[in-house]
Amino acid sequence: MAYLHCHTKDCGWSQDDFYSFKFDKRKLFFIGGYNPISKILESIKFYIKPRMIKWDRHFVNYDAVELQEYTKIKIHFNENNECFSWSWLILEIVKDIKNAKNMRWRSYKSWKKDMDKGKAKCPKCGKVCFDID
């Protein structure tokens, strides 16, 4: 996985980590990798059991607020910083779909190809000042 972002001052553009897909060619089915499908399946596996999930106060007050603004999914936290697992599952699914739709380059190979051809420019500022973490 690699997180691609622009280092131009005051730009702030970034995208999700490059995706990878793994398929079993003999059985013709998806078996994993890092991509929207595998991320959604992992979220379902973790959050599908109905329960209250406890988060730390910092996460609820900062990270969860940003995620709710990004996804437009409102999550209710009780006084113990807990939310219902299915509520969080919906947020995670929307986040993964939105991240996938907002990606400029879904794989390192496609980004490298555009870089080699001089076509890779930041979608926000138009400069070539990328960094991969």
N, C-alpha and C. Protein backbone atom coordinates (compact mmCIF):
# COMPACT_ATOMS: atom_id res chain seq x y z
N MET A 1 0.84 -1.17 0.00
CA MET A 1 0.00 0.00 0.00
C MET A 1 0.89 1.23 0.00
N ALA A 2 0.42 2.27 -0.64
CA ALA A 2 1.16 3.53 -0.71
C ALA A 2 0.18 4.69 -0.79
N TYR A 3 0.40 5.66 0.07
CA TYR A 3 -0.47 6.83 0.16
C TYR A 3 0.13 7.94 -0.71
N LEU A 4 -0.59 8.35 -1.74
CA LEU A 4 -0.13 9.37 -2.68
C LEU A 4 -0.73 10.72 -2.31
N HIS A 5 0.11 11.74 -2.23
CA HIS A 5 -0.38 13.09 -1.94
C HIS A 5 0.53 14.13 -2.57
N CYS A 6 0.00 15.35 -2.67
CA CYS A 6 0.73 16.46 -3.28
C CYS A 6 1.43 17.26 -2.18
N HIS A 7 2.68 17.63 -2.43
CA HIS A 7 3.46 18.40 -1.46
C HIS A 7 3.51 19.88 -1.79
N THR A 8 2.78 20.33 -2.81
CA THR A 8 2.75 21.75 -3.13
C THR A 8 2.15 22.50 -1.94
N LYS A 9 2.77 23.62 -1.58
CA LYS A 9 2.32 24.39 -0.43
C LYS A 9 0.84 24.77 -0.58
N ASP A 10 0.08 24.55 0.47
CA ASP A 10 -1.35 24.88 0.56
C ASP A 10 -2.24 24.10 -0.40
N CYS A 11 -1.75 23.02 -1.01
CA CYS A 11 -2.61 22.23 -1.91
C CYS A 11 -3.44 21.23 -1.10
N GLY A 12 -2.78 20.30 -0.45
CA GLY A 12 -3.48 19.36 0.40
C GLY A 12 -4.17 18.20 -0.30
N TRP A 13 -3.99 18.03 -1.63
CA TRP A 13 -4.64 16.92 -2.32
C TRP A 13 -4.02 15.60 -1.87
N SER A 14 -4.87 14.59 -1.73
CA SER A 14 -4.39 13.23 -1.42
C SER A 14 -5.45 12.24 -1.89
N GLN A 15 -5.05 11.00 -1.95
CA GLN A 15 -5.98 9.93 -2.30
C GLN A 15 -5.69 8.73 -1.43
N ASP A 16 -6.60 7.76 -1.44
CA ASP A 16 -6.42 6.53 -0.69
C ASP A 16 -5.19 5.79 -1.20
N ASP A 17 -4.70 4.84 -0.42
CA ASP A 17 -3.56 4.03 -0.85
C ASP A 17 -3.86 3.38 -2.20
N PHE A 18 -2.81 3.14 -2.97
CA PHE A 18 -3.00 2.42 -4.24
C PHE A 18 -3.65 1.08 -3.95
N TYR A 19 -4.50 0.64 -4.86
CA TYR A 19 -5.22 -0.61 -4.69
C TYR A 19 -4.47 -1.77 -5.34
N SER A 20 -4.77 -2.95 -4.82
CA SER A 20 -4.28 -4.18 -5.43
C SER A 20 -5.44 -5.16 -5.44
N PHE A 21 -5.51 -5.98 -6.44
CA PHE A 21 -6.56 -6.98 -6.56
C PHE A 21 -5.90 -8.34 -6.71
N LYS A 22 -6.47 -9.32 -6.07
CA LYS A 22 -5.98 -10.69 -6.21
C LYS A 22 -7.15 -11.57 -6.57
N PHE A 23 -7.01 -12.28 -7.65
CA PHE A 23 -8.06 -13.18 -8.10
C PHE A 23 -7.50 -14.59 -8.25
N ASP A 24 -8.32 -15.57 -7.99
CA ASP A 24 -7.97 -16.96 -8.25
C ASP A 24 -8.44 -17.25 -9.66
N LYS A 25 -7.51 -17.28 -10.60
CA LYS A 25 -7.87 -17.44 -12.01
C LYS A 25 -8.47 -18.81 -12.30
N ARG A 26 -8.08 -19.82 -11.54
CA ARG A 26 -8.62 -21.16 -11.79
C ARG A 26 -10.08 -21.25 -11.39
N LYS A 27 -10.45 -20.56 -10.29
CA LYS A 27 -11.83 -20.63 -9.81
C LYS A 27 -12.63 -19.39 -10.17
N LEU A 28 -11.97 -18.42 -10.77
CA LEU A 28 -12.61 -17.18 -11.23
C LEU A 28 -13.36 -16.43 -10.12
N PHE A 29 -12.69 -16.26 -8.96
CA PHE A 29 -13.32 -15.44 -7.93
C PHE A 29 -12.28 -14.60 -7.20
N PHE A 30 -12.78 -13.57 -6.58
CA PHE A 30 -11.99 -12.60 -5.85
C PHE A 30 -11.47 -13.21 -4.55
N ILE A 31 -10.17 -13.07 -4.26
CA ILE A 31 -9.63 -13.63 -3.03
C ILE A 31 -8.96 -12.61 -2.12
N GLY A 32 -8.94 -11.34 -2.48
CA GLY A 32 -8.38 -10.37 -1.54
C GLY A 32 -7.59 -9.27 -2.19
N GLY A 33 -6.62 -8.75 -1.43
CA GLY A 33 -5.86 -7.60 -1.84
C GLY A 33 -6.33 -6.39 -1.06
N TYR A 34 -5.84 -5.22 -1.39
CA TYR A 34 -6.27 -3.98 -0.76
C TYR A 34 -7.03 -3.18 -1.81
N ASN A 35 -8.33 -3.11 -1.67
CA ASN A 35 -9.19 -2.45 -2.64
C ASN A 35 -10.56 -2.23 -1.99
N PRO A 36 -11.44 -1.49 -2.67
CA PRO A 36 -12.74 -1.21 -2.05
C PRO A 36 -13.53 -2.47 -1.67
N ILE A 37 -13.46 -3.48 -2.49
CA ILE A 37 -14.21 -4.71 -2.21
C ILE A 37 -13.69 -5.38 -0.95
N SER A 38 -12.38 -5.55 -0.86
CA SER A 38 -11.82 -6.21 0.32
C SER A 38 -12.02 -5.37 1.56
N LYS A 39 -11.94 -4.04 1.44
CA LYS A 39 -12.15 -3.17 2.60
C LYS A 39 -13.60 -3.25 3.08
N ILE A 40 -14.55 -3.26 2.17
CA ILE A 40 -15.96 -3.36 2.55
C ILE A 40 -16.25 -4.72 3.18
N LEU A 41 -15.70 -5.78 2.61
CA LEU A 41 -15.91 -7.12 3.18
C LEU A 41 -15.34 -7.22 4.59
N GLU A 42 -14.18 -6.62 4.82
CA GLU A 42 -13.59 -6.61 6.16
C GLU A 42 -14.46 -5.83 7.14
N SER A 43 -14.99 -4.69 6.70
CA SER A 43 -15.88 -3.90 7.55
C SER A 43 -17.14 -4.69 7.90
N ILE A 44 -17.72 -5.35 6.92
CA ILE A 44 -18.91 -6.15 7.17
C ILE A 44 -18.59 -7.24 8.19
N LYS A 45 -17.48 -7.91 7.99
CA LYS A 45 -17.08 -8.99 8.89
C LYS A 45 -16.93 -8.48 10.33
N PHE A 46 -16.39 -7.27 10.49
CA PHE A 46 -16.14 -6.75 11.83
C PHE A 46 -17.37 -6.11 12.47
N TYR A 47 -18.17 -5.38 11.70
CA TYR A 47 -19.26 -4.59 12.27
C TYR A 47 -20.65 -5.21 12.14
N ILE A 48 -20.80 -6.34 11.46
CA ILE A 48 -22.13 -6.91 11.20
C ILE A 48 -22.79 -7.44 12.47
N LYS A 49 -22.01 -7.88 13.43
CA LYS A 49 -22.58 -8.35 14.69
C LYS A 49 -23.16 -7.15 15.44
N PRO A 50 -24.48 -7.15 15.71
CA PRO A 50 -25.10 -6.00 16.36
C PRO A 50 -24.57 -5.82 17.79
N ARG A 51 -24.00 -4.65 18.05
CA ARG A 51 -23.45 -4.36 19.37
C ARG A 51 -23.10 -2.88 19.45
N MET A 52 -22.82 -2.43 20.63
CA MET A 52 -22.32 -1.07 20.83
C MET A 52 -20.80 -1.12 20.81
N ILE A 53 -20.21 -0.17 20.10
CA ILE A 53 -18.75 -0.11 19.99
C ILE A 53 -18.26 1.13 20.73
N LYS A 54 -17.32 0.93 21.61
CA LYS A 54 -16.77 2.03 22.41
C LYS A 54 -15.55 2.61 21.71
N TRP A 55 -15.50 3.94 21.65
CA TRP A 55 -14.38 4.67 21.05
C TRP A 55 -13.79 5.59 22.10
N ASP A 56 -12.53 5.96 21.94
CA ASP A 56 -11.98 6.91 22.91
C ASP A 56 -12.48 8.33 22.59
N ARG A 57 -12.46 9.18 23.59
CA ARG A 57 -13.03 10.53 23.48
C ARG A 57 -12.38 11.33 22.35
N HIS A 58 -11.08 11.23 22.20
CA HIS A 58 -10.39 11.97 21.14
C HIS A 58 -10.92 11.57 19.77
N PHE A 59 -11.08 10.27 19.54
CA PHE A 59 -11.59 9.79 18.26
C PHE A 59 -12.99 10.35 18.00
N VAL A 60 -13.85 10.27 18.99
CA VAL A 60 -15.24 10.74 18.85
C VAL A 60 -15.27 12.24 18.56
N ASN A 61 -14.43 13.01 19.24
CA ASN A 61 -14.47 14.48 19.11
C ASN A 61 -13.74 15.01 17.88
N TYR A 62 -12.85 14.24 17.29
CA TYR A 62 -12.07 14.74 16.15
C TYR A 62 -12.20 13.87 14.90
N ASP A 63 -11.66 12.67 14.95
CA ASP A 63 -11.64 11.79 13.77
C ASP A 63 -13.05 11.42 13.31
N ALA A 64 -13.92 11.06 14.25
CA ALA A 64 -15.29 10.68 13.88
C ALA A 64 -16.05 11.86 13.29
N VAL A 65 -15.77 13.05 13.78
CA VAL A 65 -16.42 14.25 13.25
C VAL A 65 -16.01 14.45 11.79
N GLU A 66 -14.72 14.34 11.51
CA GLU A 66 -14.23 14.48 10.13
C GLU A 66 -14.84 13.43 9.21
N LEU A 67 -14.89 12.18 9.69
CA LEU A 67 -15.46 11.10 8.87
C LEU A 67 -16.95 11.33 8.60
N GLN A 68 -17.68 11.84 9.58
CA GLN A 68 -19.10 12.13 9.38
C GLN A 68 -19.29 13.26 8.37
N GLU A 69 -18.43 14.27 8.44
CA GLU A 69 -18.52 15.37 7.47
C GLU A 69 -18.19 14.86 6.06
N TYR A 70 -17.18 14.02 5.95
CA TYR A 70 -16.75 13.49 4.66
C TYR A 70 -17.83 12.60 4.03
N THR A 71 -18.44 11.73 4.84
CA THR A 71 -19.40 10.77 4.31
C THR A 71 -20.84 11.28 4.31
N LYS A 72 -21.10 12.34 5.09
CA LYS A 72 -22.46 12.87 5.28
C LYS A 72 -23.35 11.87 6.02
N ILE A 73 -22.72 10.96 6.77
CA ILE A 73 -23.44 9.99 7.60
C ILE A 73 -23.34 10.44 9.05
N LYS A 74 -24.47 10.68 9.68
CA LYS A 74 -24.50 11.14 11.07
C LYS A 74 -24.53 9.92 12.00
N ILE A 75 -23.60 9.90 12.93
CA ILE A 75 -23.51 8.82 13.90
C ILE A 75 -23.89 9.35 15.28
N HIS A 76 -24.74 8.62 15.97
CA HIS A 76 -25.09 9.00 17.34
C HIS A 76 -24.17 8.25 18.31
N PHE A 77 -23.46 9.01 19.13
CA PHE A 77 -22.64 8.45 20.19
C PHE A 77 -23.34 8.71 21.52
N ASN A 78 -23.39 7.70 22.38
CA ASN A 78 -24.00 7.91 23.69
C ASN A 78 -22.98 8.57 24.63
N GLU A 79 -23.38 8.76 25.88
CA GLU A 79 -22.51 9.45 26.84
C GLU A 79 -21.23 8.67 27.15
N ASN A 80 -21.19 7.39 26.79
CA ASN A 80 -19.99 6.56 27.01
C ASN A 80 -19.13 6.46 25.76
N ASN A 81 -19.37 7.33 24.79
CA ASN A 81 -18.61 7.32 23.52
C ASN A 81 -18.80 6.02 22.75
N GLU A 82 -20.00 5.49 22.78
CA GLU A 82 -20.33 4.27 22.07
C GLU A 82 -21.31 4.58 20.94
N CYS A 83 -21.21 3.79 19.87
CA CYS A 83 -22.20 3.88 18.80
C CYS A 83 -22.57 2.46 18.38
N PHE A 84 -23.68 2.35 17.68
CA PHE A 84 -24.15 1.04 17.22
C PHE A 84 -23.30 0.58 16.03
N SER A 85 -22.93 -0.67 16.04
CA SER A 85 -22.02 -1.21 15.02
C SER A 85 -22.55 -1.05 13.60
N TRP A 86 -23.84 -1.21 13.38
CA TRP A 86 -24.38 -1.08 12.02
C TRP A 86 -24.31 0.36 11.52
N SER A 87 -24.43 1.32 12.43
CA SER A 87 -24.28 2.72 12.03
C SER A 87 -22.86 2.97 11.52
N TRP A 88 -21.90 2.43 12.25
CA TRP A 88 -20.51 2.62 11.85
C TRP A 88 -20.22 1.85 10.56
N LEU A 89 -20.83 0.71 10.39
CA LEU A 89 -20.67 -0.08 9.16
C LEU A 89 -21.12 0.73 7.94
N ILE A 90 -22.25 1.39 8.04
CA ILE A 90 -22.74 2.20 6.92
C ILE A 90 -21.74 3.31 6.60
N LEU A 91 -21.23 3.98 7.65
CA LEU A 91 -20.24 5.02 7.43
C LEU A 91 -19.00 4.47 6.72
N GLU A 92 -18.50 3.33 7.15
CA GLU A 92 -17.32 2.72 6.54
C GLU A 92 -17.55 2.37 5.07
N ILE A 93 -18.71 1.84 4.76
CA ILE A 93 -19.01 1.48 3.37
C ILE A 93 -19.07 2.73 2.49
N VAL A 94 -19.76 3.75 2.97
CA VAL A 94 -19.85 5.01 2.22
C VAL A 94 -18.45 5.61 2.04
N LYS A 95 -17.64 5.59 3.08
CA LYS A 95 -16.27 6.12 3.00
C LYS A 95 -15.45 5.38 1.94
N ASP A 96 -15.52 4.06 1.94
CA ASP A 96 -14.74 3.29 0.98
C ASP A 96 -15.20 3.52 -0.46
N ILE A 97 -16.50 3.65 -0.67
CA ILE A 97 -17.01 3.94 -2.01
C ILE A 97 -16.58 5.33 -2.45
N LYS A 98 -16.70 6.29 -1.55
CA LYS A 98 -16.32 7.68 -1.86
C LYS A 98 -14.82 7.77 -2.15
N ASN A 99 -14.00 7.10 -1.35
CA ASN A 99 -12.55 7.08 -1.60
C ASN A 99 -12.24 6.52 -2.98
N ALA A 100 -12.90 5.43 -3.33
CA ALA A 100 -12.67 4.81 -4.64
C ALA A 100 -13.07 5.74 -5.77
N LYS A 101 -14.20 6.42 -5.62
CA LYS A 101 -14.66 7.34 -6.67
C LYS A 101 -13.73 8.55 -6.82
N ASN A 102 -13.10 8.97 -5.72
CA ASN A 102 -12.25 10.16 -5.73
C ASN A 102 -10.81 9.89 -6.13
N MET A 103 -10.47 8.63 -6.35
CA MET A 103 -9.08 8.32 -6.69
C MET A 103 -8.76 8.71 -8.12
N ARG A 104 -7.61 9.31 -8.29
CA ARG A 104 -7.14 9.66 -9.63
C ARG A 104 -6.39 8.48 -10.25
N TRP A 105 -5.54 7.83 -9.45
CA TRP A 105 -4.78 6.66 -9.89
C TRP A 105 -5.06 5.53 -8.92
N ARG A 106 -5.68 4.47 -9.41
CA ARG A 106 -6.05 3.36 -8.52
C ARG A 106 -4.89 2.41 -8.24
N SER A 107 -3.89 2.40 -9.08
CA SER A 107 -2.73 1.52 -8.85
C SER A 107 -1.44 2.30 -9.05
N TYR A 108 -0.39 1.80 -8.42
CA TYR A 108 0.92 2.42 -8.59
C TYR A 108 1.33 2.36 -10.07
N LYS A 109 1.00 1.26 -10.71
CA LYS A 109 1.36 1.08 -12.12
C LYS A 109 0.74 2.17 -13.00
N SER A 110 -0.53 2.51 -12.76
CA SER A 110 -1.17 3.54 -13.58
C SER A 110 -0.58 4.93 -13.28
N TRP A 111 -0.24 5.19 -12.03
CA TRP A 111 0.39 6.47 -11.68
C TRP A 111 1.78 6.56 -12.31
N LYS A 112 2.56 5.50 -12.22
CA LYS A 112 3.91 5.47 -12.78
C LYS A 112 3.86 5.65 -14.30
N LYS A 113 2.91 5.02 -14.94
CA LYS A 113 2.76 5.15 -16.39
C LYS A 113 2.50 6.60 -16.77
N ASP A 114 1.59 7.28 -16.06
CA ASP A 114 1.32 8.69 -16.33
C ASP A 114 2.52 9.57 -16.00
N MET A 115 3.26 9.22 -14.95
CA MET A 115 4.47 9.98 -14.59
C MET A 115 5.50 9.87 -15.72
N ASP A 116 5.72 8.67 -16.21
CA ASP A 116 6.70 8.45 -17.28
C ASP A 116 6.33 9.18 -18.56
N LYS A 117 5.03 9.35 -18.81
CA LYS A 117 4.57 10.05 -20.02
C LYS A 117 4.42 11.56 -19.79
N GLY A 118 4.68 12.02 -18.57
CA GLY A 118 4.55 13.44 -18.25
C GLY A 118 3.10 13.89 -18.10
N LYS A 119 2.19 12.94 -17.90
CA LYS A 119 0.77 13.26 -17.78
C LYS A 119 0.29 13.39 -16.34
N ALA A 120 1.10 12.97 -15.38
CA ALA A 120 0.66 12.97 -13.98
C ALA A 120 0.82 14.35 -13.38
N LYS A 121 -0.31 14.98 -13.15
CA LYS A 121 -0.33 16.29 -12.51
C LYS A 121 -1.37 16.24 -11.39
N CYS A 122 -1.13 17.00 -10.36
CA CYS A 122 -2.06 17.04 -9.23
C CYS A 122 -3.43 17.48 -9.72
N PRO A 123 -4.48 16.72 -9.39
CA PRO A 123 -5.84 17.09 -9.81
C PRO A 123 -6.32 18.41 -9.20
N LYS A 124 -5.71 18.83 -8.10
CA LYS A 124 -6.16 20.05 -7.43
C LYS A 124 -5.38 21.29 -7.88
N CYS A 125 -4.02 21.21 -7.85
CA CYS A 125 -3.22 22.41 -8.16
C CYS A 125 -2.55 22.36 -9.53
N GLY A 126 -2.53 21.18 -10.17
CA GLY A 126 -1.96 21.05 -11.50
C GLY A 126 -0.45 20.93 -11.54
N LYS A 127 0.19 20.85 -10.39
CA LYS A 127 1.66 20.75 -10.35
C LYS A 127 2.10 19.30 -10.20
N VAL A 128 3.38 19.07 -10.39
CA VAL A 128 3.94 17.73 -10.21
C VAL A 128 4.85 17.78 -8.99
N CYS A 129 4.25 17.55 -7.84
CA CYS A 129 4.98 17.62 -6.59
C CYS A 129 4.46 16.52 -5.66
N PHE A 130 4.51 15.28 -6.15
CA PHE A 130 3.93 14.16 -5.44
C PHE A 130 4.88 13.57 -4.42
N ASP A 131 4.28 12.93 -3.43
CA ASP A 131 5.03 12.16 -2.44
C ASP A 131 4.23 10.90 -2.15
N ILE A 132 4.93 9.82 -1.96
CA ILE A 132 4.29 8.54 -1.64
C ILE A 132 4.82 8.10 -0.28
N ASP A 133 3.91 7.91 0.66
CA ASP A 133 4.29 7.41 1.99
C ASP A 133 3.82 5.98 2.14
